C-alpha atoms as a PDB file:
ATOM      1  CA  MET A   1       0.451  33.893  39.401  1.00  0.00           C
ATOM      2  CA  THR A   2       0.033  29.984  39.496  1.00  0.00           C
ATOM      3  CA  VAL A   3       1.414  26.996  37.321  1.00  0.00           C
ATOM      4  CA  ILE A   4       0.270  23.481  37.087  1.00  0.00           C
ATOM      5  CA  TYR A   5       1.781  20.974  34.932  1.00  0.00           C
ATOM      6  CA  LYS A   6       0.466  17.756  34.430  1.00  0.00           C
ATOM      7  CA  THR A   7       2.386  14.488  34.516  1.00  0.00           C
ATOM      8  CA  PRO A   8       4.904  14.985  31.473  1.00  0.00           C
ATOM      9  CA  LYS A   9       5.667  12.050  29.042  1.00  0.00           C
ATOM     10  CA  ASP A  10       8.932  12.831  29.454  1.00  0.00           C
ATOM     11  CA  LYS A  11       9.932  14.045  32.692  1.00  0.00           C
ATOM     12  CA  ASP A  12      13.510  12.927  32.330  1.00  0.00           C
ATOM     13  CA  PHE A  13      13.527  16.298  29.146  1.00  0.00           C
ATOM     14  CA  PHE A  14      10.560  18.023  31.172  1.00  0.00           C
ATOM     15  CA  GLU A  15      13.289  18.510  35.044  1.00  0.00           C
ATOM     16  CA  LYS A  16      16.464  19.031  32.645  1.00  0.00           C
ATOM     17  CA  HIS A  17      15.078  22.312  30.595  1.00  0.00           C
ATOM     18  CA  TYR A  18      13.087  22.881  33.148  1.00  0.00           C
ATOM     19  CA  PHE A  19      15.745  23.830  35.548  1.00  0.00           C
ATOM     20  CA  GLU A  20      18.418  24.357  32.843  1.00  0.00           C
ATOM     21  CA  VAL A  21      16.356  26.123  31.071  1.00  0.00           C
ATOM     22  CA  HIS A  22      12.905  27.733  31.600  1.00  0.00           C
ATOM     23  CA  ILE A  23      13.789  29.013  34.791  1.00  0.00           C
ATOM     24  CA  PRO A  24      16.487  31.234  34.894  1.00  0.00           C
ATOM     25  CA  LEU A  25      14.654  32.763  32.096  1.00  0.00           C
ATOM     26  CA  ALA A  26      11.677  33.298  33.230  1.00  0.00           C
ATOM     27  CA  ASN A  27      13.742  34.888  36.855  1.00  0.00           C
ATOM     28  CA  GLN A  28      14.479  37.244  34.467  1.00  0.00           C
ATOM     29  CA  LEU A  29      10.864  38.514  34.151  1.00  0.00           C
ATOM     30  CA  PRO A  30      11.585  42.611  34.373  1.00  0.00           C
ATOM     31  CA  GLY A  31       9.121  43.003  37.778  1.00  0.00           C
ATOM     32  CA  LEU A  32       9.823  38.819  38.806  1.00  0.00           C
ATOM     33  CA  LEU A  33       9.974  39.310  43.677  1.00  0.00           C
ATOM     34  CA  LYS A  34       9.437  35.454  44.053  1.00  0.00           C
ATOM     35  CA  TYR A  35       9.666  32.435  41.916  1.00  0.00           C
ATOM     36  CA  GLU A  36       8.934  29.304  44.050  1.00  0.00           C
ATOM     37  CA  ILE A  37       7.934  25.753  43.128  1.00  0.00           C
ATOM     38  CA  ASN A  38       7.059  22.592  45.017  1.00  0.00           C
ATOM     39  CA  ASP A  39       9.454  20.819  46.777  1.00  0.00           C
ATOM     40  CA  GLY A  40       8.652  16.710  46.365  1.00  0.00           C
ATOM     41  CA  PRO A  41       5.781  14.951  45.692  1.00  0.00           C
ATOM     42  CA  ILE A  42       1.607  17.523  44.802  1.00  0.00           C
ATOM     43  CA  ALA A  43      -1.282  15.334  47.060  1.00  0.00           C
ATOM     44  CA  SER A  44      -4.522  16.780  46.729  1.00  0.00           C
ATOM     45  CA  ILE A  45      -7.371  15.620  48.934  1.00  0.00           C
ATOM     46  CA  THR A  46     -10.183  16.684  46.652  1.00  0.00           C
ATOM     47  CA  ASP A  47      -9.894  14.039  44.670  1.00  0.00           C
ATOM     48  CA  HIS A  48      -8.553  15.481  41.787  1.00  0.00           C
ATOM     49  CA  PRO A  49      -5.794  14.350  39.375  1.00  0.00           C
ATOM     50  CA  GLU A  50      -2.323  15.203  40.932  1.00  0.00           C
ATOM     51  CA  PRO A  51      -0.252  17.471  39.262  1.00  0.00           C
ATOM     52  CA  TYR A  52       3.116  17.348  38.492  1.00  0.00           C
ATOM     53  CA  ARG A  53       4.914  20.520  39.389  1.00  0.00           C
ATOM     54  CA  ILE A  54       3.303  23.866  40.523  1.00  0.00           C
ATOM     55  CA  ALA A  55       4.918  26.763  41.045  1.00  0.00           C
ATOM     56  CA  ASN A  56       3.900  30.183  41.744  1.00  0.00           C
ATOM     57  CA  LEU A  57       5.591  33.489  40.178  1.00  0.00           C
ATOM     58  CA  TYR A  58       4.744  36.369  42.521  1.00  0.00           C
ATOM     59  CA  PHE A  59       5.008  40.600  41.169  1.00  0.00           C
ATOM     60  CA  GLU A  60       3.452  43.715  42.678  1.00  0.00           C
ATOM     61  CA  SER A  61      -0.028  43.758  40.274  1.00  0.00           C
ATOM     62  CA  LEU A  62      -1.176  41.611  38.073  1.00  0.00           C
ATOM     63  CA  GLU A  63      -0.771  45.188  36.018  1.00  0.00           C
ATOM     64  CA  THR A  64       3.225  43.957  36.687  1.00  0.00           C
ATOM     65  CA  MET A  65       2.871  41.113  35.677  1.00  0.00           C
ATOM     66  CA  MET A  66       1.021  41.886  32.079  1.00  0.00           C
ATOM     67  CA  THR A  67       3.386  43.693  31.477  1.00  0.00           C
ATOM     68  CA  ALA A  68       6.567  41.167  32.122  1.00  0.00           C
ATOM     69  CA  PHE A  69       5.180  39.253  29.580  1.00  0.00           C
ATOM     70  CA  ARG A  70       4.442  41.590  27.334  1.00  0.00           C
ATOM     71  CA  SER A  71       8.620  41.859  27.591  1.00  0.00           C
ATOM     72  CA  GLU A  72      11.025  40.746  25.215  1.00  0.00           C
ATOM     73  CA  ILE A  73      11.415  37.461  27.924  1.00  0.00           C
ATOM     74  CA  GLY A  74       8.474  37.018  28.515  1.00  0.00           C
ATOM     75  CA  GLN A  75       7.716  36.451  24.782  1.00  0.00           C
ATOM     76  CA  GLN A  76      10.519  33.270  25.520  1.00  0.00           C
ATOM     77  CA  CYS A  77       9.750  32.315  28.501  1.00  0.00           C
ATOM     78  CA  THR A  78       5.765  32.258  27.059  1.00  0.00           C
ATOM     79  CA  VAL A  79       7.423  30.090  23.751  1.00  0.00           C
ATOM     80  CA  ASP A  80       9.714  28.028  26.241  1.00  0.00           C
ATOM     81  CA  ARG A  81       6.899  27.221  28.280  1.00  0.00           C
ATOM     82  CA  ARG A  82       5.069  25.624  24.873  1.00  0.00           C
ATOM     83  CA  ILE A  83       8.145  23.393  24.924  1.00  0.00           C
ATOM     84  CA  LEU A  84       7.783  22.218  28.257  1.00  0.00           C
ATOM     85  CA  ALA A  85       4.083  21.575  28.630  1.00  0.00           C
ATOM     86  CA  SER A  86       1.395  22.064  25.604  1.00  0.00           C
ATOM     87  CA  ASP A  87      -1.474  24.367  27.054  1.00  0.00           C
ATOM     88  CA  GLU A  88      -3.909  21.331  27.203  1.00  0.00           C
ATOM     89  CA  GLU A  89      -1.190  19.505  29.964  1.00  0.00           C
ATOM     90  CA  VAL A  90      -0.624  23.039  32.229  1.00  0.00           C
ATOM     91  CA  GLN A  91      -2.867  24.931  33.917  1.00  0.00           C
ATOM     92  CA  ILE A  92      -1.977  28.954  34.531  1.00  0.00           C
ATOM     93  CA  TYR A  93      -3.698  31.227  36.436  1.00  0.00           C
ATOM     94  CA  LEU A  94      -3.511  34.897  36.620  1.00  0.00           C
ATOM     95  CA  TYR A  95      -4.552  37.427  39.243  1.00  0.00           C
ATOM     96  CA  ASP A  96      -4.249  39.739  41.728  1.00  0.00           C
ATOM     97  CA  THR A  97      -4.231  39.304  45.785  1.00  0.00           C
ATOM     98  CA  LYS A  98      -4.751  40.583  49.310  1.00  0.00           C
ATOM     99  CA  ASN A  99      -4.213  39.835  52.680  1.00  0.00           C
ATOM    100  CA  VAL A 100      -7.065  38.746  54.208  1.00  0.00           C
END
């Protein structure tokens, strides 16, 4: 899962809520293997507007991830994400991966 946030209107609120509420909540998702975010500025080499925050959440499979987000904690994460960013202020991608 990749989550790309646009620059928030209130960066201080976003940062405080993201680190004190959202990340601890998401870390409780059943089956979550790893949660990583960008550390520092993000540069686009394809002339896209630079995102503010990128998060990658790792699960064993897409099915495991979908099950996690159907759980009570998953539903809480969904509601809480809307506190951080509206659907217009975030892009969320769900996908399976393969080693190449």
